[in-house]
Amino acid sequence: MNVYANLLPFMNKIDEADAFIREWNGGIEISTDGPHWHGNTDWNREQERFESFHGDMGVHLPIWELNLASIQFPGHAAYSFDIYRTYLEWAAGFASHAVLHTHLYASPLFHKEEAQKRSRHYIKQLGEVAKQNDITLFVENVGFHDKMLFDEQEFVQLFEDIPTIKALLDVGHATINKWDIPAVIKALGRNLGALHLHDNDGKGDLHLPIGAGVTDWTSIWAALDTLSHSPKLILEYEGTAPLEVIKEHGNQLMREGKVAEPSAV
């Protein structure tokens, strides 16, 4: 079972991640947001930070201040593409996958159709960059309610139309948007490359541990069991989640492919 821990709990204290990583037996997903990421960041140093880690690594590309779907400011969309391409090429030097958001999920969608078209245009190009650099590009479902750029059917179709990318289904985001998560898992089929696993109250993106919210995990585990392949399972818990819970849930996933409920929090 391909199990990972996103380093979201260390976004504001990356120097403290080393102690956790030394005791973690799965893969890691590096977040490229936080106070140590800025215009003068030493990218070589950020890569070297994890040189002693012997597991598989992924990189979550930046979220904030970038927007591939900007219609009002098309230059900003082009700039965002250039930044994502640079990060993707950097990640390809040491990581097996990179995660991309379809758009800046907190932005209003005044021109949704045009925004979808622009996002697709740049995602397709980034998929080609990923293919050339031998790294898997996962594209994640983001945005809540009227800020959701692609609905369930449109999200599934995205990966039929762009074969150079794979889907990352964020379970927490899908819960808030009331998606039929098992149906999406089955519809994506082999196009489903990974899942971000976290829970919430159905209203806010709380990134709670599995079982601490309203998500129907039993149906999700059952849907995953129907697949003919094993997508990456990535725990994406919020910053104050107890590290022991992350390790416990990660170990359960590695052993059983699921986390027993209720959650130990």
Protein backbone atom coordinates (compact mmCIF):
# COMPACT_ATOMS: atom_id res chain seq x y z
CA MET A 1 0.00 0.00 0.00
CA ASN A 2 1.42 3.41 -1.05
CA VAL A 3 0.86 5.55 2.07
CA TYR A 4 2.14 9.10 2.52
CA ALA A 5 1.97 11.91 5.07
CA ASN A 6 1.63 15.44 3.78
CA LEU A 7 3.89 17.74 5.81
CA LEU A 8 1.10 20.28 6.36
CA PRO A 9 1.56 20.05 10.17
CA PHE A 10 5.09 21.43 9.65
CA MET A 11 4.26 24.18 7.15
CA ASN A 12 5.04 26.90 9.69
CA LYS A 13 7.84 24.97 11.43
CA ILE A 14 9.59 22.94 8.76
CA ASP A 15 12.75 22.56 10.86
CA GLU A 16 10.76 20.35 13.25
CA ALA A 17 9.77 17.85 10.53
CA ASP A 18 12.99 15.85 10.79
CA ALA A 19 12.07 14.14 14.08
CA PHE A 20 8.74 12.98 12.63
CA ILE A 21 10.30 11.77 9.39
CA ARG A 22 12.86 9.66 11.22
CA GLU A 23 10.02 7.66 12.82
CA TRP A 24 7.76 7.52 9.75
CA ASN A 25 7.76 4.44 7.54
CA GLY A 26 5.69 5.74 4.63
CA GLY A 27 6.26 8.36 1.96
CA ILE A 28 6.04 12.12 2.45
CA GLU A 29 4.45 14.95 0.49
CA ILE A 30 6.27 18.28 0.84
CA SER A 31 4.17 21.46 1.04
CA THR A 32 5.70 24.42 -0.80
CA ASP A 33 3.76 27.09 1.07
CA GLY A 34 4.73 28.65 4.39
CA PRO A 35 7.14 31.25 5.76
CA HIS A 36 10.28 29.53 4.45
CA TRP A 37 8.99 29.69 0.86
CA HIS A 38 9.54 33.09 -0.79
CA GLY A 39 11.43 34.77 -3.60
CA ASN A 40 14.81 34.12 -1.98
CA THR A 41 14.24 30.50 -0.99
CA ASP A 42 17.27 28.29 -1.52
CA TRP A 43 15.68 25.41 -3.44
CA ASN A 44 18.80 23.25 -3.21
CA ARG A 45 18.68 23.56 0.58
CA GLU A 46 15.01 22.61 0.61
CA GLN A 47 15.81 19.48 -1.37
CA GLU A 48 18.82 18.67 0.81
CA ARG A 49 16.61 18.94 3.91
CA PHE A 50 15.18 15.53 2.99
CA GLU A 51 18.31 13.80 1.71
CA SER A 52 18.41 11.43 4.68
CA PHE A 53 14.83 10.32 4.06
CA HIS A 54 14.78 6.97 2.26
CA GLY A 55 11.08 6.76 1.45
CA ASP A 56 9.25 8.01 -1.63
CA MET A 57 8.56 11.74 -1.90
CA GLY A 58 5.96 13.93 -3.56
CA VAL A 59 5.65 17.71 -3.76
CA HIS A 60 2.48 19.76 -3.32
CA LEU A 61 2.96 22.73 -5.67
CA PRO A 62 2.19 26.21 -4.25
CA ILE A 63 -1.43 27.17 -3.61
CA TRP A 64 -1.58 30.80 -2.54
CA GLU A 65 -1.09 33.83 -4.81
CA LEU A 66 -1.18 31.68 -7.97
CA ASN A 67 -4.18 31.09 -10.22
CA LEU A 68 -4.10 29.19 -13.53
CA ALA A 69 -7.73 30.18 -14.17
CA SER A 70 -7.45 33.97 -13.83
CA ILE A 71 -9.65 35.62 -16.46
CA GLN A 72 -9.53 39.22 -15.31
CA PHE A 73 -5.72 39.15 -15.33
CA PRO A 74 -4.56 36.69 -18.03
CA GLY A 75 -0.95 37.70 -17.41
CA HIS A 76 -1.31 36.36 -13.89
CA ALA A 77 -2.49 32.99 -15.24
CA ALA A 78 0.52 32.87 -17.57
CA TYR A 79 2.84 33.83 -14.71
CA SER A 80 1.29 31.12 -12.52
CA PHE A 81 1.95 28.58 -15.28
CA ASP A 82 5.61 29.62 -15.46
CA ILE A 83 5.99 29.28 -11.69
CA TYR A 84 4.30 25.87 -11.66
CA ARG A 85 6.50 24.68 -14.52
CA THR A 86 9.63 25.74 -12.60
CA TYR A 87 8.48 24.00 -9.41
CA LEU A 88 7.51 20.90 -11.38
CA GLU A 89 10.91 20.67 -13.05
CA TRP A 90 12.58 21.11 -9.64
CA ALA A 91 10.41 18.42 -8.05
CA ALA A 92 11.20 16.00 -10.88
CA GLY A 93 14.79 15.85 -9.65
CA PHE A 94 13.85 13.89 -6.51
CA ALA A 95 10.07 13.30 -6.27
CA SER A 96 7.77 10.76 -7.91
CA HIS A 97 4.72 13.02 -8.04
CA ALA A 98 3.57 16.62 -7.81
CA VAL A 99 0.13 17.94 -6.87
CA LEU A 100 -1.52 20.83 -8.71
CA HIS A 101 -4.67 22.80 -7.91
CA THR A 102 -6.94 23.62 -10.84
CA HIS A 103 -7.26 27.25 -9.69
CA LEU A 104 -7.01 29.48 -6.64
CA TYR A 105 -9.91 27.89 -4.80
CA ALA A 106 -10.88 30.96 -2.74
CA SER A 107 -11.40 33.20 -5.81
CA PRO A 108 -14.92 33.99 -7.07
CA LEU A 109 -15.68 32.49 -10.48
CA PHE A 110 -17.25 35.42 -12.33
CA HIS A 111 -16.50 33.81 -15.72
CA LYS A 112 -16.64 30.10 -14.96
CA GLU A 113 -16.70 28.75 -18.53
CA GLU A 114 -13.74 30.88 -19.57
CA ALA A 115 -11.91 30.03 -16.34
CA GLN A 116 -12.38 26.31 -17.00
CA LYS A 117 -11.00 26.71 -20.51
CA ARG A 118 -7.94 28.62 -19.29
CA SER A 119 -7.27 26.17 -16.47
CA ARG A 120 -7.53 23.21 -18.88
CA HIS A 121 -5.15 24.93 -21.31
CA TYR A 122 -2.41 25.31 -18.73
CA ILE A 123 -3.03 21.95 -17.03
CA LYS A 124 -2.55 20.24 -20.39
CA GLN A 125 0.77 22.03 -20.89
CA LEU A 126 1.93 21.15 -17.37
CA GLY A 127 0.98 17.54 -18.04
CA GLU A 128 3.36 17.58 -21.00
CA VAL A 129 6.10 19.08 -18.82
CA ALA A 130 5.56 16.33 -16.26
CA LYS A 131 5.69 13.62 -18.92
CA GLN A 132 8.95 15.01 -20.33
CA ASN A 133 10.45 15.06 -16.83
CA ASP A 134 9.21 11.58 -15.88
CA ILE A 135 7.13 12.74 -12.92
CA THR A 136 3.43 12.09 -12.32
CA LEU A 137 1.26 15.22 -12.17
CA PHE A 138 -1.77 14.82 -9.90
CA VAL A 139 -4.54 17.39 -10.34
CA GLU A 140 -6.71 17.98 -7.27
CA ASN A 141 -10.39 18.88 -6.89
CA VAL A 142 -10.59 22.25 -5.12
CA GLY A 143 -13.03 25.08 -4.46
CA PHE A 144 -16.21 24.98 -2.41
CA HIS A 145 -19.75 25.45 -3.71
CA ASP A 146 -19.82 28.47 -6.06
CA LYS A 147 -16.01 28.60 -6.06
CA MET A 148 -15.69 25.01 -7.36
CA LEU A 149 -14.30 25.22 -10.90
CA PHE A 150 -15.06 21.59 -11.92
CA ASP A 151 -18.01 19.60 -10.59
CA GLU A 152 -18.00 15.80 -10.20
CA GLN A 153 -18.65 14.97 -13.84
CA GLU A 154 -16.35 17.69 -15.16
CA PHE A 155 -13.56 16.58 -12.84
CA VAL A 156 -13.82 12.98 -14.07
CA GLN A 157 -13.89 14.16 -17.70
CA LEU A 158 -10.74 16.23 -17.21
CA PHE A 159 -8.65 13.07 -17.03
CA GLU A 160 -10.32 11.50 -20.03
CA ASP A 161 -9.42 14.59 -22.04
CA ILE A 162 -5.84 15.03 -20.75
CA PRO A 163 -4.09 11.63 -20.61
CA THR A 164 -0.79 13.04 -19.27
CA ILE A 165 -2.27 13.77 -15.82
CA LYS A 166 -3.86 11.71 -13.04
CA ALA A 167 -6.58 12.61 -10.55
CA LEU A 168 -5.98 13.34 -6.91
CA LEU A 169 -9.32 13.09 -5.16
CA ASP A 170 -9.36 15.22 -2.02
CA VAL A 171 -11.93 13.50 0.17
CA GLY A 172 -12.36 16.47 2.50
CA HIS A 173 -13.12 18.86 -0.36
CA ALA A 174 -15.51 16.35 -1.92
CA THR A 175 -17.32 15.96 1.41
CA ILE A 176 -17.95 19.70 1.69
CA ASN A 177 -19.29 19.80 -1.88
CA LYS A 178 -21.50 16.77 -1.17
CA TRP A 179 -19.99 14.69 -3.97
CA ASP A 180 -20.87 11.02 -4.27
CA ILE A 181 -17.30 10.03 -3.42
CA PRO A 182 -17.60 6.26 -4.07
CA ALA A 183 -19.17 7.00 -7.47
CA VAL A 184 -16.34 9.40 -8.36
CA ILE A 185 -13.74 6.81 -7.31
CA LYS A 186 -15.33 4.21 -9.58
CA ALA A 187 -15.84 6.67 -12.46
CA LEU A 188 -12.20 7.74 -12.35
CA GLY A 189 -11.01 4.15 -12.35
CA ARG A 190 -7.36 3.90 -13.37
CA ASN A 191 -7.24 7.68 -13.79
CA LEU A 192 -7.35 7.95 -9.98
CA GLY A 193 -3.72 8.30 -8.95
CA ALA A 194 -4.05 9.42 -5.34
CA LEU A 195 -6.34 10.61 -2.57
CA HIS A 196 -5.87 13.25 0.09
CA LEU A 197 -7.42 11.75 3.20
CA HIS A 198 -8.86 14.00 5.91
CA ASP A 199 -12.23 14.70 7.53
CA ASN A 200 -14.42 17.69 8.39
CA ASP A 201 -17.85 18.76 9.62
CA GLY A 202 -19.27 19.09 6.12
CA LYS A 203 -18.89 22.87 6.21
CA GLY A 204 -15.24 23.88 6.73
CA ASP A 205 -11.99 22.51 5.32
CA LEU A 206 -10.78 21.43 8.76
CA HIS A 207 -8.32 18.68 7.76
CA LEU A 208 -9.34 16.56 10.74
CA PRO A 209 -8.13 12.98 11.21
CA ILE A 210 -10.12 10.22 9.53
CA GLY A 211 -13.24 9.45 11.57
CA ALA A 212 -13.34 12.80 13.37
CA GLY A 213 -15.96 14.30 11.03
CA VAL A 214 -18.99 13.41 8.92
CA THR A 215 -17.34 11.62 5.97
CA ASP A 216 -18.67 8.13 5.22
CA TRP A 217 -15.35 6.27 5.24
CA THR A 218 -16.89 2.81 5.09
CA SER A 219 -18.23 3.46 1.58
CA ILE A 220 -14.91 5.00 0.52
CA TRP A 221 -12.86 1.97 1.61
CA ALA A 222 -15.35 -0.29 -0.16
CA ALA A 223 -15.08 1.73 -3.38
CA LEU A 224 -11.27 1.63 -3.25
CA ASP A 225 -11.44 -2.15 -2.88
CA THR A 226 -13.16 -2.35 -6.29
CA LEU A 227 -10.20 -0.78 -8.12
CA SER A 228 -7.75 -2.90 -10.05
CA HIS A 229 -4.84 -0.73 -8.91
CA SER A 230 -3.66 0.93 -5.68
CA PRO A 231 -3.72 4.75 -5.73
CA LYS A 232 -1.49 6.62 -3.32
CA LEU A 233 -3.16 7.30 0.04
CA ILE A 234 -1.96 10.63 1.45
CA LEU A 235 -2.88 11.73 4.98
CA GLU A 236 -3.33 15.51 4.89
CA TYR A 237 -4.05 16.44 8.51
CA GLU A 238 -4.04 20.00 9.86
CA GLY A 239 -1.21 21.58 11.79
CA THR A 240 -2.34 20.71 15.32
CA ALA A 241 -3.13 17.05 14.60
CA PRO A 242 -1.23 14.86 17.07
CA LEU A 243 1.75 13.29 15.32
CA GLU A 244 1.00 10.00 17.05
CA VAL A 245 -2.40 9.94 15.34
CA ILE A 246 -0.80 10.54 11.95
CA LYS A 247 1.63 7.67 12.54
CA GLU A 248 -1.11 5.40 13.90
CA HIS A 249 -3.42 6.05 10.95
CA GLY A 250 -0.56 5.70 8.48
CA ASN A 251 0.38 2.34 9.94
CA GLN A 252 -3.24 1.17 9.77
CA LEU A 253 -3.40 2.16 6.11
CA MET A 254 -0.19 0.29 5.37
CA ARG A 255 -1.42 -2.82 7.15
CA GLU A 256 -5.08 -2.87 6.16
CA GLY A 257 -5.67 -0.29 3.43
CA LYS A 258 -8.11 1.57 5.67
CA VAL A 259 -8.39 3.31 9.06
CA ALA A 260 -10.68 1.88 11.71
CA GLU A 261 -13.30 4.21 13.14
CA PRO A 262 -13.78 6.12 15.35
CA SER A 263 -10.59 8.11 15.14
CA ALA A 264 -8.15 8.21 18.06
CA VAL A 265 -7.92 11.95 18.73
